[in-house]
Amino acid sequence: MATVQVSNLRKSFGALDVVQGVSIDIADGEFLILVGPSGCGKSTLLRMIAGLEDISGGRIDIGGRVVNALSPKERNIAMVFQNYALYPQMTVAQNMGFSLEIAGMKKAEIQKKVEEAAEILGLKPLLQRKPSQLSGGQRQRVAMGRAIVRDPDVFLFDEPLSNLDAKLRVQMRAEIKALHQRLGSTIVYVTHDQVEAMTMADRIVVLRGGRIEQIGTPLQLYDRPQNMFVAGFLGSPSMNFLRGVLDGQSLRIGEGQRLALSSVPGSHTGDVVVGIRPQDVAVNAQGGTPAVVKVVEPTGADTHVLAEVGGIEVTCVVNDRVDFASGQEIHISISSPKIHFFDPVSEARLPEAAPGRAHVA
């Protein structure tokens, strides 16, 4: 395995800057996920690391070696694509061993490597089948097996689970994570799915508009997002943002409502945005504030409730099954040590004087 260093990497298509000065140090054996909305530059960045896309500026080091001028095969990386890219006329075994055959490896050695990879991925009973006889999850395993047999320094995954159904995505997430733990491999993985990022990564890089918004472990980004974009992108349902005016130990919001705070961010006064995750909003709590139900979404294990308070929409997650109707009045309260404060202009996180606590007054 190997380290990967991306230094001030840039990519432009004419006047359009797709990747703008990205720098990341990826440790040997680390599982790093690039996440962000469509068009943020994450797949372009991955393709530049792979050598499939020319760079406009910056440097890429793999295993301490500058690879800017090297072809993809000279970089000793293996890439797993979204569409599997399997040869339909070949069997599973032939697909997995094809790159080794092209490289001139002996048939006995190819067979050994293919069988070892098939054992790891549970593909041994399927080695003589063709891709058309496989499920989506099995095809993805074959694509992964084709990468494993090459013993690469770095595995690159480009949204490999996006074509699978929800149940298979959950299963394959666990399998890829287990594969990483077994091989101790360096993995750079691209996804737009924040659940994949949160459940699989050692560290996450959040991208927007070709720039890095924040790098950290999943819990670092979840608990201390550095701006409103990161706060709203990670977490499901998305964080509630309440815009208002700090006035002493309270926040004035919406149509005359006042949010009492037990602590405020330093000596900040005036306009502010308070962020609170839906899981931290209590419904029908004693002493709560009246709210009007707009939408109820039962998920089985819990219920998502979209309510309106003083003209502001607030999403709540209720850890129970509730039978609310649209237009019904309920009561909510907010009391959590996990309240976040943001500047309404820059959208950057404000330093708290102490962990924030609040309730709607």
Protein backbone atom coordinates (compact mmCIF):
# COMPACT_ATOMS: atom_id res chain seq x y z
CA MET A 1 0.00 0.00 0.00
CA ALA A 2 1.07 3.64 -0.22
CA THR A 3 0.47 7.22 0.87
CA VAL A 4 -1.12 9.71 -1.52
CA GLN A 5 -0.34 13.43 -1.48
CA VAL A 6 -2.34 15.89 -3.53
CA SER A 7 -0.72 19.34 -3.52
CA ASN A 8 -2.50 22.46 -4.81
CA LEU A 9 -4.18 20.43 -7.54
CA ARG A 10 -6.04 22.35 -10.22
CA LYS A 11 -8.16 21.46 -13.23
CA SER A 12 -9.67 23.86 -15.74
CA PHE A 13 -11.79 23.30 -18.82
CA GLY A 14 -11.23 26.55 -20.68
CA ALA A 15 -12.40 29.34 -18.38
CA LEU A 16 -14.18 26.91 -16.05
CA ASP A 17 -12.17 26.00 -12.93
CA VAL A 18 -13.43 22.58 -11.84
CA VAL A 19 -10.81 21.83 -9.16
CA GLN A 20 -9.31 24.86 -7.43
CA GLY A 21 -6.12 24.33 -5.44
CA VAL A 22 -7.01 21.12 -3.57
CA SER A 23 -4.43 19.72 -1.12
CA ILE A 24 -4.92 16.41 0.76
CA ASP A 25 -2.51 14.08 2.56
CA ILE A 26 -3.82 10.49 2.57
CA ALA A 27 -2.13 8.09 4.98
CA ASP A 28 -1.00 4.57 4.11
CA GLY A 29 -3.99 2.26 4.65
CA GLU A 30 -6.48 5.08 5.10
CA PHE A 31 -10.06 4.95 3.79
CA LEU A 32 -10.69 8.49 2.55
CA ILE A 33 -14.00 9.54 1.03
CA LEU A 34 -14.54 12.54 -1.24
CA VAL A 35 -18.11 13.72 -0.87
CA GLY A 36 -20.14 16.61 -2.16
CA PRO A 37 -23.01 17.56 -4.47
CA SER A 38 -23.00 16.85 -8.20
CA GLY A 39 -20.53 19.05 -10.05
CA CYS A 40 -18.29 19.74 -7.05
CA GLY A 41 -15.22 18.19 -8.73
CA LYS A 42 -14.88 14.98 -6.73
CA SER A 43 -14.89 12.57 -9.70
CA THR A 44 -12.55 14.84 -11.66
CA LEU A 45 -10.16 14.84 -8.70
CA LEU A 46 -10.26 11.03 -8.52
CA ARG A 47 -9.62 10.73 -12.26
CA MET A 48 -6.60 13.02 -11.96
CA ILE A 49 -5.17 10.79 -9.21
CA ALA A 50 -5.77 7.81 -11.51
CA GLY A 51 -4.08 9.51 -14.47
CA LEU A 52 -7.27 9.45 -16.54
CA GLU A 53 -7.51 13.25 -16.53
CA ASP A 54 -4.70 15.72 -17.26
CA ILE A 55 -4.00 18.21 -14.48
CA SER A 56 -3.82 21.98 -15.01
CA GLY A 57 -1.56 22.58 -12.03
CA GLY A 58 -0.25 21.10 -8.80
CA ARG A 59 1.34 17.78 -7.95
CA ILE A 60 0.31 14.20 -7.15
CA ASP A 61 2.58 11.86 -5.14
CA ILE A 62 1.82 8.15 -4.71
CA GLY A 63 4.12 6.25 -2.40
CA GLY A 64 6.54 9.18 -2.31
CA ARG A 65 6.83 9.24 -6.11
CA VAL A 66 5.63 12.17 -8.26
CA VAL A 67 3.23 10.66 -10.82
CA ASN A 68 2.11 13.74 -12.77
CA ALA A 69 3.73 12.52 -15.99
CA LEU A 70 3.03 8.79 -15.52
CA SER A 71 0.33 6.82 -17.32
CA PRO A 72 -2.41 5.10 -15.29
CA LYS A 73 -0.74 1.67 -15.50
CA GLU A 74 2.58 3.14 -14.29
CA ARG A 75 0.94 4.51 -11.14
CA ASN A 76 0.06 1.05 -9.77
CA ILE A 77 -3.49 2.01 -8.92
CA ALA A 78 -6.74 0.11 -9.51
CA MET A 79 -10.04 1.84 -10.18
CA VAL A 80 -13.56 0.50 -9.64
CA PHE A 81 -16.16 2.31 -11.72
CA GLN A 82 -19.85 2.97 -11.29
CA ASN A 83 -20.81 0.90 -14.37
CA TYR A 84 -18.58 -2.14 -13.53
CA ALA A 85 -17.00 -2.10 -17.07
CA LEU A 86 -16.99 -5.91 -17.39
CA TYR A 87 -16.41 -7.73 -20.68
CA PRO A 88 -19.74 -9.46 -21.45
CA GLN A 89 -18.18 -12.27 -23.51
CA MET A 90 -15.77 -13.29 -20.73
CA THR A 91 -16.44 -15.39 -17.64
CA VAL A 92 -15.96 -13.98 -14.13
CA ALA A 93 -12.54 -15.64 -13.90
CA GLN A 94 -11.49 -14.24 -17.28
CA ASN A 95 -12.68 -10.74 -16.37
CA MET A 96 -10.74 -10.82 -13.11
CA GLY A 97 -7.54 -12.13 -14.67
CA PHE A 98 -7.56 -10.21 -17.96
CA SER A 99 -5.26 -7.37 -16.88
CA LEU A 100 -2.75 -9.92 -15.57
CA GLU A 101 -2.90 -11.82 -18.86
CA ILE A 102 -2.21 -8.61 -20.78
CA ALA A 103 0.75 -7.97 -18.47
CA GLY A 104 2.21 -11.36 -19.49
CA MET A 105 1.78 -13.18 -16.20
CA LYS A 106 1.84 -16.99 -16.32
CA LYS A 107 -1.53 -18.78 -16.36
CA ALA A 108 -0.86 -20.68 -13.13
CA GLU A 109 -0.08 -17.46 -11.27
CA ILE A 110 -3.14 -15.76 -12.75
CA GLN A 111 -5.37 -18.63 -11.63
CA LYS A 112 -3.91 -18.48 -8.12
CA LYS A 113 -4.52 -14.74 -7.79
CA VAL A 114 -8.04 -14.98 -9.22
CA GLU A 115 -8.97 -17.79 -6.83
CA GLU A 116 -7.55 -15.90 -3.85
CA ALA A 117 -9.56 -12.80 -4.73
CA ALA A 118 -12.66 -14.89 -5.42
CA GLU A 119 -12.33 -16.48 -1.97
CA ILE A 120 -12.16 -13.06 -0.32
CA LEU A 121 -15.23 -11.81 -2.21
CA GLY A 122 -17.33 -15.00 -2.12
CA LEU A 123 -17.15 -15.43 -5.89
CA LYS A 124 -15.70 -18.95 -6.18
CA PRO A 125 -19.04 -20.59 -7.17
CA LEU A 126 -19.49 -17.92 -9.88
CA LEU A 127 -16.10 -18.01 -11.63
CA GLN A 128 -17.45 -19.71 -14.79
CA ARG A 129 -20.49 -17.49 -15.17
CA LYS A 130 -20.71 -14.49 -17.47
CA PRO A 131 -21.74 -10.99 -16.32
CA SER A 132 -25.25 -11.37 -17.78
CA GLN A 133 -25.85 -14.23 -15.34
CA LEU A 134 -24.95 -12.12 -12.28
CA SER A 135 -26.86 -9.71 -10.06
CA GLY A 136 -25.77 -6.09 -9.68
CA GLY A 137 -24.05 -6.81 -6.39
CA GLN A 138 -22.21 -9.81 -7.85
CA ARG A 139 -21.02 -7.73 -10.80
CA GLN A 140 -19.69 -5.12 -8.42
CA ARG A 141 -17.78 -7.83 -6.55
CA VAL A 142 -16.24 -8.99 -9.83
CA ALA A 143 -15.14 -5.41 -10.57
CA MET A 144 -13.57 -5.28 -7.11
CA GLY A 145 -11.92 -8.67 -7.66
CA ARG A 146 -10.41 -7.43 -10.90
CA ALA A 147 -8.82 -4.61 -8.89
CA ILE A 148 -7.62 -6.84 -6.03
CA VAL A 149 -5.69 -9.30 -8.25
CA ARG A 150 -3.41 -6.49 -9.40
CA ASP A 151 -2.07 -5.83 -5.86
CA PRO A 152 -2.26 -2.07 -6.38
CA ASP A 153 -0.77 0.57 -4.12
CA VAL A 154 -4.10 2.45 -4.06
CA PHE A 155 -7.73 1.52 -4.76
CA LEU A 156 -9.89 4.22 -6.34
CA PHE A 157 -13.70 3.88 -6.22
CA ASP A 158 -15.90 6.18 -8.31
CA GLU A 159 -19.48 6.00 -6.94
CA PRO A 160 -19.46 2.18 -7.15
CA LEU A 161 -22.81 1.67 -5.40
CA SER A 162 -24.99 4.23 -7.15
CA ASN A 163 -26.51 1.67 -9.55
CA LEU A 164 -27.59 -0.71 -6.77
CA ASP A 165 -30.89 -0.78 -4.91
CA ALA A 166 -31.10 0.39 -1.29
CA LYS A 167 -30.73 -3.06 0.28
CA LEU A 168 -27.73 -3.99 -1.87
CA ARG A 169 -26.06 -0.63 -1.16
CA VAL A 170 -26.19 -1.34 2.57
CA GLN A 171 -24.79 -4.84 2.03
CA MET A 172 -22.00 -3.66 -0.28
CA ARG A 173 -21.03 -0.84 2.10
CA ALA A 174 -20.34 -3.44 4.75
CA GLU A 175 -18.46 -5.66 2.31
CA ILE A 176 -16.20 -2.87 1.06
CA LYS A 177 -15.45 -1.77 4.63
CA ALA A 178 -14.64 -5.37 5.61
CA LEU A 179 -12.43 -5.72 2.53
CA HIS A 180 -10.51 -2.59 3.53
CA GLN A 181 -9.96 -3.91 7.05
CA ARG A 182 -8.80 -7.27 5.71
CA LEU A 183 -6.39 -5.92 3.09
CA GLY A 184 -5.22 -2.82 4.96
CA SER A 185 -5.41 -1.02 1.63
CA THR A 186 -5.30 2.69 0.85
CA ILE A 187 -8.69 3.64 -0.59
CA VAL A 188 -9.91 6.90 -2.13
CA TYR A 189 -13.66 6.68 -2.62
CA VAL A 190 -16.05 9.12 -4.31
CA THR A 191 -19.72 9.37 -3.45
CA HIS A 192 -22.50 11.94 -3.31
CA ASP A 193 -24.25 9.87 -0.61
CA GLN A 194 -23.48 11.30 2.83
CA VAL A 195 -24.68 8.09 4.53
CA GLU A 196 -22.00 6.12 2.66
CA ALA A 197 -19.43 8.70 3.70
CA MET A 198 -20.44 8.67 7.37
CA THR A 199 -20.55 4.89 7.72
CA MET A 200 -17.45 3.91 5.74
CA ALA A 201 -14.75 6.57 5.95
CA ASP A 202 -11.78 7.01 8.25
CA ARG A 203 -11.82 10.63 7.10
CA ILE A 204 -14.14 12.62 4.86
CA VAL A 205 -13.27 15.47 2.48
CA VAL A 206 -16.30 17.69 1.82
CA LEU A 207 -16.04 19.49 -1.52
CA ARG A 208 -18.05 22.35 -2.98
CA GLY A 209 -17.35 24.18 -6.21
CA GLY A 210 -13.95 22.55 -6.62
CA ARG A 211 -12.75 23.60 -3.17
CA ILE A 212 -12.40 21.80 0.16
CA GLU A 213 -14.92 22.95 2.75
CA GLN A 214 -13.69 20.68 5.58
CA ILE A 215 -11.63 17.54 6.23
CA GLY A 216 -12.11 15.35 9.29
CA THR A 217 -13.44 12.13 10.74
CA PRO A 218 -17.17 11.49 10.27
CA LEU A 219 -17.95 12.45 13.88
CA GLN A 220 -15.73 15.56 13.76
CA LEU A 221 -17.67 16.83 10.75
CA TYR A 222 -21.02 15.87 12.27
CA ASP A 223 -20.37 17.36 15.71
CA ARG A 224 -18.36 20.46 14.70
CA PRO A 225 -19.12 21.48 11.11
CA GLN A 226 -17.06 24.52 10.19
CA ASN A 227 -19.79 26.17 8.12
CA MET A 228 -23.46 25.88 7.21
CA PHE A 229 -22.77 23.95 4.01
CA VAL A 230 -21.03 21.10 5.84
CA ALA A 231 -23.63 21.22 8.63
CA GLY A 232 -26.48 20.91 6.16
CA PHE A 233 -24.83 18.35 3.90
CA LEU A 234 -23.97 15.77 6.58
CA GLY A 235 -26.76 14.31 8.64
CA SER A 236 -30.17 12.95 7.69
CA PRO A 237 -32.60 14.67 7.80
CA SER A 238 -30.65 17.89 7.24
CA MET A 239 -29.93 20.29 10.07
CA ASN A 240 -32.51 22.97 10.88
CA PHE A 241 -31.24 26.54 10.46
CA LEU A 242 -33.03 29.21 12.50
CA ARG A 243 -32.16 32.76 11.48
CA GLY A 244 -32.67 35.41 14.12
CA VAL A 245 -31.18 38.13 16.29
CA LEU A 246 -29.21 37.46 19.45
CA ASP A 247 -30.48 39.64 22.26
CA GLY A 248 -28.70 38.85 25.52
CA GLN A 249 -29.46 35.22 26.36
CA SER A 250 -32.20 34.78 23.78
CA LEU A 251 -32.73 34.62 20.03
CA ARG A 252 -35.61 36.44 18.37
CA ILE A 253 -36.92 34.39 15.43
CA GLY A 254 -39.81 34.34 12.99
CA GLU A 255 -43.05 36.08 13.88
CA GLY A 256 -42.31 37.24 17.40
CA GLN A 257 -41.03 33.96 18.78
CA ARG A 258 -38.13 34.01 21.20
CA LEU A 259 -35.60 31.23 21.64
CA ALA A 260 -34.08 31.26 25.12
CA LEU A 261 -30.39 30.27 25.23
CA SER A 262 -28.39 29.12 28.23
CA SER A 263 -25.19 30.13 26.43
CA VAL A 264 -24.28 32.23 23.42
CA PRO A 265 -21.25 32.19 21.12
CA GLY A 266 -18.74 34.37 22.95
CA SER A 267 -19.73 38.03 23.02
CA HIS A 268 -21.51 37.88 19.68
CA THR A 269 -24.69 39.96 19.33
CA GLY A 270 -27.01 40.75 16.45
CA ASP A 271 -27.90 38.58 13.48
CA VAL A 272 -27.01 34.90 13.77
CA VAL A 273 -28.03 31.47 12.49
CA VAL A 274 -28.68 28.74 15.04
CA GLY A 275 -28.34 25.17 13.76
CA ILE A 276 -30.11 22.27 15.45
CA ARG A 277 -30.36 18.70 14.19
CA PRO A 278 -33.87 17.20 13.84
CA GLN A 279 -32.97 14.45 16.32
CA ASP A 280 -32.54 17.15 19.00
CA VAL A 281 -36.03 18.64 18.61
CA ALA A 282 -38.50 17.18 21.11
CA VAL A 283 -42.18 16.90 20.13
CA ASN A 284 -45.05 17.27 22.64
CA ALA A 285 -42.56 18.18 25.35
CA GLN A 286 -43.94 19.82 28.48
CA GLY A 287 -43.65 23.58 28.35
CA GLY A 288 -43.01 23.55 24.62
CA THR A 289 -44.06 26.04 21.99
CA PRO A 290 -47.11 25.55 19.73
CA ALA A 291 -46.31 24.41 16.20
CA VAL A 292 -48.43 23.38 13.23
CA VAL A 293 -47.81 20.05 11.50
CA LYS A 294 -47.22 20.31 7.74
CA VAL A 295 -45.93 16.86 6.71
CA VAL A 296 -45.58 13.53 8.52
CA GLU A 297 -43.20 10.86 7.16
CA PRO A 298 -43.26 7.51 9.01
CA THR A 299 -40.07 5.51 8.37
CA GLY A 300 -40.87 2.50 10.55
CA ALA A 301 -38.34 2.92 13.35
CA ASP A 302 -39.13 6.62 13.80
CA THR A 303 -41.24 9.43 12.35
CA HIS A 304 -40.11 12.61 10.61
CA VAL A 305 -42.36 15.59 11.30
CA LEU A 306 -42.15 18.89 9.42
CA ALA A 307 -43.73 21.62 11.52
CA GLU A 308 -44.04 25.40 11.31
CA VAL A 309 -43.15 27.68 14.21
CA GLY A 310 -43.56 31.43 13.83
CA GLY A 311 -43.37 31.16 10.05
CA ILE A 312 -40.19 28.99 10.17
CA GLU A 313 -40.17 25.33 9.15
CA VAL A 314 -38.56 22.91 11.62
CA THR A 315 -37.94 19.20 11.00
CA CYS A 316 -38.26 16.89 14.01
CA VAL A 317 -37.36 13.21 14.35
CA VAL A 318 -39.63 11.39 16.80
CA ASN A 319 -38.31 8.05 18.05
CA ASP A 320 -41.78 6.55 17.97
CA ARG A 321 -44.78 6.10 15.72
CA VAL A 322 -47.10 9.10 15.94
CA ASP A 323 -50.44 9.70 14.27
CA PHE A 324 -50.30 13.41 13.49
CA ALA A 325 -52.42 15.01 10.77
CA SER A 326 -51.50 17.93 8.54
CA GLY A 327 -52.67 21.15 10.19
CA GLN A 328 -52.67 19.63 13.68
CA GLU A 329 -51.21 21.71 16.50
CA ILE A 330 -48.37 20.09 18.46
CA HIS A 331 -45.80 21.40 20.91
CA ILE A 332 -42.04 21.30 20.43
CA SER A 333 -39.02 22.24 22.48
CA ILE A 334 -35.29 22.40 21.82
CA SER A 335 -32.92 21.44 24.59
CA SER A 336 -29.57 20.08 23.50
CA PRO A 337 -25.84 20.52 24.13
CA LYS A 338 -25.35 20.24 20.38
CA ILE A 339 -26.61 23.59 19.13
CA HIS A 340 -24.44 25.25 16.48
CA PHE A 341 -23.98 28.98 15.82
CA PHE A 342 -23.13 30.40 12.38
CA ASP A 343 -22.45 33.84 10.95
CA PRO A 344 -25.39 34.67 8.64
CA VAL A 345 -23.16 36.41 6.06
CA SER A 346 -20.04 34.24 5.83
CA GLU A 347 -21.95 31.11 7.03
CA ALA A 348 -18.84 30.19 9.06
CA ARG A 349 -19.12 28.57 12.48
CA LEU A 350 -18.99 30.92 15.47
CA PRO A 351 -16.98 29.85 18.53
CA GLU A 352 -19.30 29.01 21.43
CA ALA A 353 -18.71 30.29 24.93
CA ALA A 354 -19.83 26.83 26.08
CA PRO A 355 -21.88 23.98 24.56
CA GLY A 356 -25.10 25.58 23.38
CA ARG A 357 -28.44 24.84 24.99
CA ALA A 358 -31.77 26.30 24.00
CA HIS A 359 -35.50 26.01 24.33
CA VAL A 360 -38.29 27.80 22.52
CA ALA A 361 -39.88 30.32 24.83
